[in-house]
Amino acid sequence: MMSYLYETMYILRPDLGEELVDQTIAKYQTILRDNEAEILETQHRGKRRLAYEIGKHREGVYVQMNYTGGGKLVALVERAMRLSDEVIRYLTIKVEIPKEPEVVVDEE
């Protein structure tokens, strides 16, 4: 199976308590791990003001997850987020891994 590097940024409702935020983060990490993803990093970026109102919310709790795995992972995790009451926005990008420049050895 081909493995890619992904970054999912999602925003949780600002009215969730710290414990519920931690449980929600753990839920998405578990979905990824159960489907053979390798979680590289999860950053809880805290509550921030939104650029524009989303569903009557002016603030949100930002979380960023970086992980590697197959393409089906994104569909699984985004489906769970779409059905969740806690998540107000999410976005996943596939991160391009820079290729090492080829070194040409001049053999004379």
PDB file of N, CA and C in Angstrom:
ATOM      1  N   MET A   1       0.846  -1.183   0.000  1.00  0.00           N
ATOM      2  CA  MET A   1       0.000   0.000   0.000  1.00  0.00           C
ATOM      3  C   MET A   1       0.889   1.245   0.000  1.00  0.00           C
ATOM      4  N   MET A   2       0.543   2.190  -0.838  1.00  0.00           N
ATOM      5  CA  MET A   2       1.284   3.442  -0.940  1.00  0.00           C
ATOM      6  C   MET A   2       0.995   4.301   0.290  1.00  0.00           C
ATOM      7  N   SER A   3       2.013   4.931   0.837  1.00  0.00           N
ATOM      8  CA  SER A   3       1.859   5.746   2.025  1.00  0.00           C
ATOM      9  C   SER A   3       2.181   7.206   1.694  1.00  0.00           C
ATOM     10  N   TYR A   4       1.336   8.102   2.180  1.00  0.00           N
ATOM     11  CA  TYR A   4       1.509   9.532   1.934  1.00  0.00           C
ATOM     12  C   TYR A   4       1.552  10.269   3.266  1.00  0.00           C
ATOM     13  N   LEU A   5       2.037  11.503   3.226  1.00  0.00           N
ATOM     14  CA  LEU A   5       2.060  12.371   4.400  1.00  0.00           C
ATOM     15  C   LEU A   5       0.878  13.330   4.308  1.00  0.00           C
ATOM     16  N   TYR A   6       0.061  13.364   5.367  1.00  0.00           N
ATOM     17  CA  TYR A   6      -1.127  14.222   5.396  1.00  0.00           C
ATOM     18  C   TYR A   6      -1.081  15.158   6.601  1.00  0.00           C
ATOM     19  N   GLU A   7      -1.760  16.285   6.447  1.00  0.00           N
ATOM     20  CA  GLU A   7      -1.955  17.217   7.553  1.00  0.00           C
ATOM     21  C   GLU A   7      -3.435  17.555   7.600  1.00  0.00           C
ATOM     22  N   THR A   8      -4.063  17.253   8.727  1.00  0.00           N
ATOM     23  CA  THR A   8      -5.471  17.590   8.921  1.00  0.00           C
ATOM     24  C   THR A   8      -5.548  18.649  10.016  1.00  0.00           C
ATOM     25  N   MET A   9      -6.158  19.765   9.660  1.00  0.00           N
ATOM     26  CA  MET A   9      -6.394  20.836  10.634  1.00  0.00           C
ATOM     27  C   MET A   9      -7.898  20.847  10.860  1.00  0.00           C
ATOM     28  N   TYR A  10      -8.303  20.803  12.123  1.00  0.00           N
ATOM     29  CA  TYR A  10      -9.735  20.893  12.393  1.00  0.00           C
ATOM     30  C   TYR A  10     -10.000  21.841  13.548  1.00  0.00           C
ATOM     31  N   ILE A  11     -11.222  22.372  13.553  1.00  0.00           N
ATOM     32  CA  ILE A  11     -11.622  23.358  14.549  1.00  0.00           C
ATOM     33  C   ILE A  11     -12.798  22.784  15.336  1.00  0.00           C
ATOM     34  N   LEU A  12     -12.631  22.766  16.659  1.00  0.00           N
ATOM     35  CA  LEU A  12     -13.682  22.270  17.547  1.00  0.00           C
ATOM     36  C   LEU A  12     -14.477  23.439  18.115  1.00  0.00           C
ATOM     37  N   ARG A  13     -15.715  23.148  18.515  1.00  0.00           N
ATOM     38  CA  ARG A  13     -16.557  24.175  19.133  1.00  0.00           C
ATOM     39  C   ARG A  13     -15.855  24.771  20.352  1.00  0.00           C
ATOM     40  N   PRO A  14     -15.965  26.093  20.541  1.00  0.00           N
ATOM     41  CA  PRO A  14     -15.265  26.745  21.653  1.00  0.00           C
ATOM     42  C   PRO A  14     -15.877  26.442  23.018  1.00  0.00           C
ATOM     43  N   ASP A  15     -17.116  25.955  23.052  1.00  0.00           N
ATOM     44  CA  ASP A  15     -17.784  25.718  24.336  1.00  0.00           C
ATOM     45  C   ASP A  15     -17.493  24.332  24.914  1.00  0.00           C
ATOM     46  N   LEU A  16     -16.652  23.546  24.249  1.00  0.00           N
ATOM     47  CA  LEU A  16     -16.297  22.228  24.779  1.00  0.00           C
ATOM     48  C   LEU A  16     -15.319  22.414  25.939  1.00  0.00           C
ATOM     49  N   GLY A  17     -15.478  21.634  26.972  1.00  0.00           N
ATOM     50  CA  GLY A  17     -14.532  21.683  28.087  1.00  0.00           C
ATOM     51  C   GLY A  17     -13.219  21.039  27.665  1.00  0.00           C
ATOM     52  N   GLU A  18     -12.179  21.279  28.452  1.00  0.00           N
ATOM     53  CA  GLU A  18     -10.841  20.745  28.133  1.00  0.00           C
ATOM     54  C   GLU A  18     -10.856  19.221  28.040  1.00  0.00           C
ATOM     55  N   GLU A  19     -11.619  18.577  28.924  1.00  0.00           N
ATOM     56  CA  GLU A  19     -11.686  17.115  28.920  1.00  0.00           C
ATOM     57  C   GLU A  19     -12.325  16.589  27.634  1.00  0.00           C
ATOM     58  N   LEU A  20     -13.389  17.241  27.190  1.00  0.00           N
ATOM     59  CA  LEU A  20     -14.064  16.823  25.958  1.00  0.00           C
ATOM     60  C   LEU A  20     -13.188  17.084  24.734  1.00  0.00           C
ATOM     61  N   VAL A  21     -12.423  18.173  24.764  1.00  0.00           N
ATOM     62  CA  VAL A  21     -11.474  18.457  23.678  1.00  0.00           C
ATOM     63  C   VAL A  21     -10.448  17.330  23.597  1.00  0.00           C
ATOM     64  N   ASP A  22      -9.885  16.943  24.755  1.00  0.00           N
ATOM     65  CA  ASP A  22      -8.893  15.861  24.785  1.00  0.00           C
ATOM     66  C   ASP A  22      -9.490  14.536  24.299  1.00  0.00           C
ATOM     67  N   GLN A  23     -10.728  14.244  24.686  1.00  0.00           N
ATOM     68  CA  GLN A  23     -11.401  13.015  24.244  1.00  0.00           C
ATOM     69  C   GLN A  23     -11.619  13.018  22.735  1.00  0.00           C
ATOM     70  N   THR A  24     -11.985  14.164  22.198  1.00  0.00           N
ATOM     71  CA  THR A  24     -12.223  14.284  20.758  1.00  0.00           C
ATOM     72  C   THR A  24     -10.922  14.096  19.980  1.00  0.00           C
ATOM     73  N   ILE A  25      -9.839  14.708  20.451  1.00  0.00           N
ATOM     74  CA  ILE A  25      -8.529  14.536  19.808  1.00  0.00           C
ATOM     75  C   ILE A  25      -8.149  13.055  19.833  1.00  0.00           C
ATOM     76  N   ALA A  26      -8.331  12.410  20.984  1.00  0.00           N
ATOM     77  CA  ALA A  26      -8.004  10.986  21.126  1.00  0.00           C
ATOM     78  C   ALA A  26      -8.849  10.127  20.182  1.00  0.00           C
ATOM     79  N   LYS A  27     -10.113  10.517  19.974  1.00  0.00           N
ATOM     80  CA  LYS A  27     -11.010   9.761  19.090  1.00  0.00           C
ATOM     81  C   LYS A  27     -10.453   9.724  17.662  1.00  0.00           C
ATOM     82  N   TYR A  28     -10.008  10.869  17.158  1.00  0.00           N
ATOM     83  CA  TYR A  28      -9.492  10.907  15.786  1.00  0.00           C
ATOM     84  C   TYR A  28      -8.133  10.227  15.674  1.00  0.00           C
ATOM     85  N   GLN A  29      -7.324  10.319  16.718  1.00  0.00           N
ATOM     86  CA  GLN A  29      -6.050   9.593  16.718  1.00  0.00           C
ATOM     87  C   GLN A  29      -6.300   8.086  16.686  1.00  0.00           C
ATOM     88  N   THR A  30      -7.298   7.626  17.429  1.00  0.00           N
ATOM     89  CA  THR A  30      -7.632   6.200  17.462  1.00  0.00           C
ATOM     90  C   THR A  30      -8.116   5.717  16.097  1.00  0.00           C
ATOM     91  N   ILE A  31      -8.952   6.511  15.441  1.00  0.00           N
ATOM     92  CA  ILE A  31      -9.424   6.139  14.093  1.00  0.00           C
ATOM     93  C   ILE A  31      -8.227   5.936  13.165  1.00  0.00           C
ATOM     94  N   LEU A  32      -7.268   6.859  13.227  1.00  0.00           N
ATOM     95  CA  LEU A  32      -6.082   6.760  12.375  1.00  0.00           C
ATOM     96  C   LEU A  32      -5.246   5.532  12.730  1.00  0.00           C
ATOM     97  N   ARG A  33      -4.959   5.350  14.021  1.00  0.00           N
ATOM     98  CA  ARG A  33      -4.123   4.207  14.447  1.00  0.00           C
ATOM     99  C   ARG A  33      -4.769   2.871  14.106  1.00  0.00           C
ATOM    100  N   ASP A  34      -6.098   2.780  14.298  1.00  0.00           N
ATOM    101  CA  ASP A  34      -6.817   1.532  14.007  1.00  0.00           C
ATOM    102  C   ASP A  34      -6.765   1.187  12.523  1.00  0.00           C
ATOM    103  N   ASN A  35      -6.474   2.177  11.699  1.00  0.00           N
ATOM    104  CA  ASN A  35      -6.402   1.954  10.251  1.00  0.00           C
ATOM    105  C   ASN A  35      -4.966   2.075   9.740  1.00  0.00           C
ATOM    106  N   GLU A  36      -4.034   1.755  10.608  1.00  0.00           N
ATOM    107  CA  GLU A  36      -2.613   1.616  10.269  1.00  0.00           C
ATOM    108  C   GLU A  36      -1.916   2.901   9.849  1.00  0.00           C
ATOM    109  N   ALA A  37      -2.383   4.018  10.377  1.00  0.00           N
ATOM    110  CA  ALA A  37      -1.683   5.281  10.137  1.00  0.00           C
ATOM    111  C   ALA A  37      -0.591   5.430  11.179  1.00  0.00           C
ATOM    112  N   GLU A  38       0.426   6.173  10.821  1.00  0.00           N
ATOM    113  CA  GLU A  38       1.446   6.527  11.799  1.00  0.00           C
ATOM    114  C   GLU A  38       1.279   8.009  12.092  1.00  0.00           C
ATOM    115  N   ILE A  39       0.919   8.332  13.337  1.00  0.00           N
ATOM    116  CA  ILE A  39       0.720   9.726  13.719  1.00  0.00           C
ATOM    117  C   ILE A  39       2.080  10.316  14.060  1.00  0.00           C
ATOM    118  N   LEU A  40       2.484  11.331  13.310  1.00  0.00           N
ATOM    119  CA  LEU A  40       3.784  11.953  13.510  1.00  0.00           C
ATOM    120  C   LEU A  40       3.730  13.031  14.578  1.00  0.00           C
ATOM    121  N   GLU A  41       2.643  13.795  14.573  1.00  0.00           N
ATOM    122  CA  GLU A  41       2.540  14.910  15.513  1.00  0.00           C
ATOM    123  C   GLU A  41       1.085  15.359  15.619  1.00  0.00           C
ATOM    124  N   THR A  42       0.672  15.713  16.832  1.00  0.00           N
ATOM    125  CA  THR A  42      -0.634  16.323  17.048  1.00  0.00           C
ATOM    126  C   THR A  42      -0.405  17.585  17.861  1.00  0.00           C
ATOM    127  N   GLN A  43      -0.876  18.701  17.343  1.00  0.00           N
ATOM    128  CA  GLN A  43      -0.700  19.982  18.042  1.00  0.00           C
ATOM    129  C   GLN A  43      -2.059  20.538  18.433  1.00  0.00           C
ATOM    130  N   HIS A  44      -2.239  20.724  19.737  1.00  0.00           N
ATOM    131  CA  HIS A  44      -3.442  21.361  20.266  1.00  0.00           C
ATOM    132  C   HIS A  44      -3.101  22.842  20.315  1.00  0.00           C
ATOM    133  N   ARG A  45      -3.630  23.609  19.375  1.00  0.00           N
ATOM    134  CA  ARG A  45      -3.230  25.012  19.250  1.00  0.00           C
ATOM    135  C   ARG A  45      -4.071  25.974  20.081  1.00  0.00           C
ATOM    136  N   GLY A  46      -5.060  25.447  20.775  1.00  0.00           N
ATOM    137  CA  GLY A  46      -5.834  26.280  21.685  1.00  0.00           C
ATOM    138  C   GLY A  46      -6.965  27.043  21.017  1.00  0.00           C
ATOM    139  N   LYS A  47      -7.649  27.832  21.834  1.00  0.00           N
ATOM    140  CA  LYS A  47      -8.809  28.597  21.368  1.00  0.00           C
ATOM    141  C   LYS A  47      -8.347  29.873  20.685  1.00  0.00           C
ATOM    142  N   ARG A  48      -8.884  30.087  19.493  1.00  0.00           N
ATOM    143  CA  ARG A  48      -8.530  31.293  18.727  1.00  0.00           C
ATOM    144  C   ARG A  48      -9.786  31.910  18.127  1.00  0.00           C
ATOM    145  N   ARG A  49      -9.672  33.168  17.823  1.00  0.00           N
ATOM    146  CA  ARG A  49     -10.777  33.874  17.161  1.00  0.00           C
ATOM    147  C   ARG A  49     -10.816  33.452  15.691  1.00  0.00           C
ATOM    148  N   LEU A  50     -12.012  33.177  15.197  1.00  0.00           N
ATOM    149  CA  LEU A  50     -12.175  32.790  13.801  1.00  0.00           C
ATOM    150  C   LEU A  50     -12.172  34.020  12.899  1.00  0.00           C
ATOM    151  N   ALA A  51     -11.756  33.828  11.666  1.00  0.00           N
ATOM    152  CA  ALA A  51     -11.743  34.936  10.702  1.00  0.00           C
ATOM    153  C   ALA A  51     -13.170  35.387  10.389  1.00  0.00           C
ATOM    154  N   TYR A  52     -14.114  34.438  10.440  1.00  0.00           N
ATOM    155  CA  TYR A  52     -15.523  34.753  10.225  1.00  0.00           C
ATOM    156  C   TYR A  52     -16.352  33.768  11.046  1.00  0.00           C
ATOM    157  N   GLU A  53     -17.585  34.150  11.300  1.00  0.00           N
ATOM    158  CA  GLU A  53     -18.459  33.338  12.141  1.00  0.00           C
ATOM    159  C   GLU A  53     -18.821  32.027  11.435  1.00  0.00           C
ATOM    160  N   ILE A  54     -18.728  30.916  12.166  1.00  0.00           N
ATOM    161  CA  ILE A  54     -19.120  29.606  11.642  1.00  0.00           C
ATOM    162  C   ILE A  54     -20.194  29.054  12.573  1.00  0.00           C
ATOM    163  N   GLY A  55     -21.411  28.934  12.071  1.00  0.00           N
ATOM    164  CA  GLY A  55     -22.495  28.386  12.881  1.00  0.00           C
ATOM    165  C   GLY A  55     -22.664  29.087  14.215  1.00  0.00           C
ATOM    166  N   LYS A  56     -22.680  30.398  14.218  1.00  0.00           N
ATOM    167  CA  LYS A  56     -22.839  31.235  15.411  1.00  0.00           C
ATOM    168  C   LYS A  56     -21.643  31.189  16.362  1.00  0.00           C
ATOM    169  N   HIS A  57     -20.533  30.602  15.942  1.00  0.00           N
ATOM    170  CA  HIS A  57     -19.320  30.578  16.765  1.00  0.00           C
ATOM    171  C   HIS A  57     -18.338  31.621  16.240  1.00  0.00           C
ATOM    172  N   ARG A  58     -17.789  32.419  17.159  1.00  0.00           N
ATOM    173  CA  ARG A  58     -16.788  33.420  16.785  1.00  0.00           C
ATOM    174  C   ARG A  58     -15.379  32.952  17.131  1.00  0.00           C
ATOM    175  N   GLU A  59     -15.288  31.871  17.930  1.00  0.00           N
ATOM    176  CA  GLU A  59     -14.000  31.296  18.300  1.00  0.00           C
ATOM    177  C   GLU A  59     -14.038  29.797  18.046  1.00  0.00           C
ATOM    178  N   GLY A  60     -12.866  29.178  18.040  1.00  0.00           N
ATOM    179  CA  GLY A  60     -12.793  27.734  17.884  1.00  0.00           C
ATOM    180  C   GLY A  60     -11.492  27.213  18.459  1.00  0.00           C
ATOM    181  N   VAL A  61     -11.469  25.917  18.774  1.00  0.00           N
ATOM    182  CA  VAL A  61     -10.267  25.269  19.292  1.00  0.00           C
ATOM    183  C   VAL A  61      -9.580  24.587  18.113  1.00  0.00           C
ATOM    184  N   TYR A  62      -8.381  25.035  17.802  1.00  0.00           N
ATOM    185  CA  TYR A  62      -7.648  24.532  16.639  1.00  0.00           C
ATOM    186  C   TYR A  62      -6.790  23.333  17.005  1.00  0.00           C
ATOM    187  N   VAL A  63      -6.836  22.287  16.160  1.00  0.00           N
ATOM    188  CA  VAL A  63      -6.013  21.095  16.353  1.00  0.00           C
ATOM    189  C   VAL A  63      -5.419  20.714  15.005  1.00  0.00           C
ATOM    190  N   GLN A  64      -4.137  20.400  14.998  1.00  0.00           N
ATOM    191  CA  GLN A  64      -3.453  19.987  13.769  1.00  0.00           C
ATOM    192  C   GLN A  64      -2.864  18.592  13.976  1.00  0.00           C
ATOM    193  N   MET A  65      -3.132  17.677  13.031  1.00  0.00           N
ATOM    194  CA  MET A  65      -2.566  16.328  13.083  1.00  0.00           C
ATOM    195  C   MET A  65      -1.757  16.076  11.822  1.00  0.00           C
ATOM    196  N   ASN A  66      -0.542  15.589  11.983  1.00  0.00           N
ATOM    197  CA  ASN A  66       0.290  15.179  10.858  1.00  0.00           C
ATOM    198  C   ASN A  66       0.457  13.673  10.955  1.00  0.00           C
ATOM    199  N   TYR A  67       0.210  12.973   9.845  1.00  0.00           N
ATOM    200  CA  TYR A  67       0.275  11.517   9.878  1.00  0.00           C
ATOM    201  C   TYR A  67       0.592  10.961   8.493  1.00  0.00           C
ATOM    202  N   THR A  68       1.021   9.702   8.471  1.00  0.00           N
ATOM    203  CA  THR A  68       1.276   9.030   7.207  1.00  0.00           C
ATOM    204  C   THR A  68       0.356   7.828   7.111  1.00  0.00           C
ATOM    205  N   GLY A  69       0.010   7.493   5.876  1.00  0.00           N
ATOM    206  CA  GLY A  69      -0.846   6.336   5.647  1.00  0.00           C
ATOM    207  C   GLY A  69      -1.423   6.366   4.249  1.00  0.00           C
ATOM    208  N   GLY A  70      -2.321   5.441   3.978  1.00  0.00           N
ATOM    209  CA  GLY A  70      -2.961   5.331   2.664  1.00  0.00           C
ATOM    210  C   GLY A  70      -4.050   6.374   2.482  1.00  0.00           C
ATOM    211  N   GLY A  71      -4.476   6.527   1.237  1.00  0.00           N
ATOM    212  CA  GLY A  71      -5.460   7.546   0.886  1.00  0.00           C
ATOM    213  C   GLY A  71      -6.829   7.348   1.505  1.00  0.00           C
ATOM    214  N   LYS A  72      -7.187   6.111   1.858  1.00  0.00           N
ATOM    215  CA  LYS A  72      -8.509   5.851   2.427  1.00  0.00           C
ATOM    216  C   LYS A  72      -8.650   6.417   3.839  1.00  0.00           C
ATOM    217  N   LEU A  73      -7.513   6.672   4.492  1.00  0.00           N
ATOM    218  CA  LEU A  73      -7.535   7.237   5.845  1.00  0.00           C
ATOM    219  C   LEU A  73      -8.254   8.574   5.888  1.00  0.00           C
ATOM    220  N   VAL A  74      -7.971   9.409   4.906  1.00  0.00           N
ATOM    221  CA  VAL A  74      -8.541  10.755   4.874  1.00  0.00           C
ATOM    222  C   VAL A  74     -10.061  10.670   4.820  1.00  0.00           C
ATOM    223  N   ALA A  75     -10.589   9.788   3.977  1.00  0.00           N
ATOM    224  CA  ALA A  75     -12.038   9.634   3.855  1.00  0.00           C
ATOM    225  C   ALA A  75     -12.642   9.177   5.186  1.00  0.00           C
ATOM    226  N   LEU A  76     -11.975   8.250   5.871  1.00  0.00           N
ATOM    227  CA  LEU A  76     -12.481   7.746   7.157  1.00  0.00           C
ATOM    228  C   LEU A  76     -12.522   8.842   8.211  1.00  0.00           C
ATOM    229  N   VAL A  77     -11.419   9.557   8.344  1.00  0.00           N
ATOM    230  CA  VAL A  77     -11.324  10.580   9.377  1.00  0.00           C
ATOM    231  C   VAL A  77     -12.255  11.751   9.066  1.00  0.00           C
ATOM    232  N   GLU A  78     -12.336  12.158   7.801  1.00  0.00           N
ATOM    233  CA  GLU A  78     -13.200  13.286   7.444  1.00  0.00           C
ATOM    234  C   GLU A  78     -14.675  12.923   7.581  1.00  0.00           C
ATOM    235  N   ARG A  79     -15.018  11.670   7.316  1.00  0.00           N
ATOM    236  CA  ARG A  79     -16.410  11.245   7.498  1.00  0.00           C
ATOM    237  C   ARG A  79     -16.788  11.349   8.974  1.00  0.00           C
ATOM    238  N   ALA A  80     -15.896  10.889   9.860  1.00  0.00           N
ATOM    239  CA  ALA A  80     -16.148  10.969  11.301  1.00  0.00           C
ATOM    240  C   ALA A  80     -16.296  12.431  11.735  1.00  0.00           C
ATOM    241  N   MET A  81     -15.477  13.315  11.171  1.00  0.00           N
ATOM    242  CA  MET A  81     -15.555  14.741  11.518  1.00  0.00           C
ATOM    243  C   MET A  81     -16.846  15.372  11.007  1.00  0.00           C
ATOM    244  N   ARG A  82     -17.250  14.979   9.802  1.00  0.00           N
ATOM    245  CA  ARG A  82     -18.471  15.524   9.211  1.00  0.00           C
ATOM    246  C   ARG A  82     -19.692  15.152  10.060  1.00  0.00           C
ATOM    247  N   LEU A  83     -19.691  13.939  10.623  1.00  0.00           N
ATOM    248  CA  LEU A  83     -20.818  13.464  11.424  1.00  0.00           C
ATOM    249  C   LEU A  83     -20.753  13.931  12.882  1.00  0.00           C
ATOM    250  N   SER A  84     -19.653  14.561  13.263  1.00  0.00           N
ATOM    251  CA  SER A  84     -19.429  14.972  14.644  1.00  0.00           C
ATOM    252  C   SER A  84     -20.104  16.301  14.959  1.00  0.00           C
ATOM    253  N   ASP A  85     -20.610  16.410  16.180  1.00  0.00           N
ATOM    254  CA  ASP A  85     -21.174  17.679  16.639  1.00  0.00           C
ATOM    255  C   ASP A  85     -20.087  18.620  17.152  1.00  0.00           C
ATOM    256  N   GLU A  86     -18.918  18.049  17.490  1.00  0.00           N
ATOM    257  CA  GLU A  86     -17.846  18.858  18.080  1.00  0.00           C
ATOM    258  C   GLU A  86     -17.063  19.650  17.036  1.00  0.00           C
ATOM    259  N   VAL A  87     -16.929  19.092  15.819  1.00  0.00           N
ATOM    260  CA  VAL A  87     -16.083  19.703  14.784  1.00  0.00           C
ATOM    261  C   VAL A  87     -16.911  20.697  13.963  1.00  0.00           C
ATOM    262  N   ILE A  88     -16.419  21.949  13.883  1.00  0.00           N
ATOM    263  CA  ILE A  88     -17.150  22.941  13.085  1.00  0.00           C
ATOM    264  C   ILE A  88     -16.504  23.177  11.717  1.00  0.00           C
ATOM    265  N   ARG A  89     -15.229  22.792  11.548  1.00  0.00           N
ATOM    266  CA  ARG A  89     -14.539  22.913  10.253  1.00  0.00           C
ATOM    267  C   ARG A  89     -13.351  21.967  10.245  1.00  0.00           C
ATOM    268  N   TYR A  90     -13.016  21.442   9.066  1.00  0.00           N
ATOM    269  CA  TYR A  90     -11.825  20.602   8.938  1.00  0.00           C
ATOM    270  C   TYR A  90     -11.272  20.727   7.528  1.00  0.00           C
ATOM    271  N   LEU A  91      -9.995  20.469   7.397  1.00  0.00           N
ATOM    272  CA  LEU A  91      -9.340  20.513   6.088  1.00  0.00           C
ATOM    273  C   LEU A  91      -8.137  19.574   6.139  1.00  0.00           C
ATOM    274  N   THR A  92      -8.008  18.739   5.116  1.00  0.00           N
ATOM    275  CA  THR A  92      -6.855  17.848   5.021  1.00  0.00           C
ATOM    276  C   THR A  92      -6.105  18.160   3.747  1.00  0.00           C
ATOM    277  N   ILE A  93      -4.789  18.241   3.866  1.00  0.00           N
ATOM    278  CA  ILE A  93      -3.958  18.418   2.684  1.00  0.00           C
ATOM    279  C   ILE A  93      -2.933  17.294   2.626  1.00  0.00           C
ATOM    280  N   LYS A  94      -2.573  16.916   1.413  1.00  0.00           N
ATOM    281  CA  LYS A  94      -1.496  15.954   1.228  1.00  0.00           C
ATOM    282  C   LYS A  94      -0.221  16.764   1.091  1.00  0.00           C
ATOM    283  N   VAL A  95       0.722  16.491   1.972  1.00  0.00           N
ATOM    284  CA  VAL A  95       1.968  17.258   2.005  1.00  0.00           C
ATOM    285  C   VAL A  95       2.950  16.629   1.031  1.00  0.00           C
ATOM    286  N   GLU A  96       3.461  17.454   0.152  1.00  0.00           N
ATOM    287  CA  GLU A  96       4.461  16.966  -0.798  1.00  0.00           C
ATOM    288  C   GLU A  96       5.798  16.847  -0.089  1.00  0.00           C
ATOM    289  N   ILE A  97       6.387  15.683  -0.160  1.00  0.00           N
ATOM    290  CA  ILE A  97       7.699  15.482   0.443  1.00  0.00           C
ATOM    291  C   ILE A  97       8.740  15.877  -0.601  1.00  0.00           C
ATOM    292  N   PRO A  98       9.596  16.842  -0.265  1.00  0.00           N
ATOM    293  CA  PRO A  98      10.589  17.271  -1.254  1.00  0.00           C
ATOM    294  C   PRO A  98      11.536  16.123  -1.604  1.00  0.00           C
ATOM    295  N   LYS A  99      11.742  15.935  -2.890  1.00  0.00           N
ATOM    296  CA  LYS A  99      12.645  14.879  -3.346  1.00  0.00           C
ATOM    297  C   LYS A  99      14.087  15.353  -3.169  1.00  0.00           C
ATOM    298  N   GLU A 100      14.925  14.412  -2.821  1.00  0.00           N
ATOM    299  CA  GLU A 100      16.347  14.723  -2.699  1.00  0.00           C
ATOM    300  C   GLU A 100      16.895  15.009  -4.095  1.00  0.00           C
ATOM    301  N   PRO A 101      17.673  16.052  -4.255  1.00  0.00           N
ATOM    302  CA  PRO A 101      18.249  16.317  -5.578  1.00  0.00           C
ATOM    303  C   PRO A 101      19.225  15.193  -5.938  1.00  0.00           C
ATOM    304  N   GLU A 102      19.150  14.798  -7.192  1.00  0.00           N
ATOM    305  CA  GLU A 102      20.049  13.731  -7.638  1.00  0.00           C
ATOM    306  C   GLU A 102      21.462  14.299  -7.788  1.00  0.00           C
ATOM    307  N   VAL A 103      22.396  13.566  -7.251  1.00  0.00           N
ATOM    308  CA  VAL A 103      23.787  13.985  -7.349  1.00  0.00           C
ATOM    309  C   VAL A 103      24.402  13.247  -8.531  1.00  0.00           C
ATOM    310  N   VAL A 104      24.900  13.999  -9.468  1.00  0.00           N
ATOM    311  CA  VAL A 104      25.527  13.405 -10.648  1.00  0.00           C
ATOM    312  C   VAL A 104      27.017  13.425 -10.424  1.00  0.00           C
ATOM    313  N   VAL A 105      27.603  12.240 -10.442  1.00  0.00           N
ATOM    314  CA  VAL A 105      29.050  12.144 -10.242  1.00  0.00           C
ATOM    315  C   VAL A 105      29.700  12.116 -11.632  1.00  0.00           C
ATOM    316  N   ASP A 106      30.610  13.051 -11.833  1.00  0.00           N
ATOM    317  CA  ASP A 106      31.301  13.125 -13.107  1.00  0.00           C
ATOM    318  C   ASP A 106      32.447  12.134 -13.101  1.00  0.00           C
ATOM    319  N   GLU A 107      32.322  11.088 -13.890  1.00  0.00           N
ATOM    320  CA  GLU A 107      33.386  10.073 -13.917  1.00  0.00           C
ATOM    321  C   GLU A 107      34.268  10.313 -15.129  1.00  0.00           C
ATOM    322  N   GLU A 108      35.472  10.792 -14.886  1.00  0.00           N
ATOM    323  CA  GLU A 108      36.413  11.050 -15.977  1.00  0.00           C
ATOM    324  C   GLU A 108      37.603  10.159 -15.882  1.00  0.00           C
TER     325      GLU A 108
END
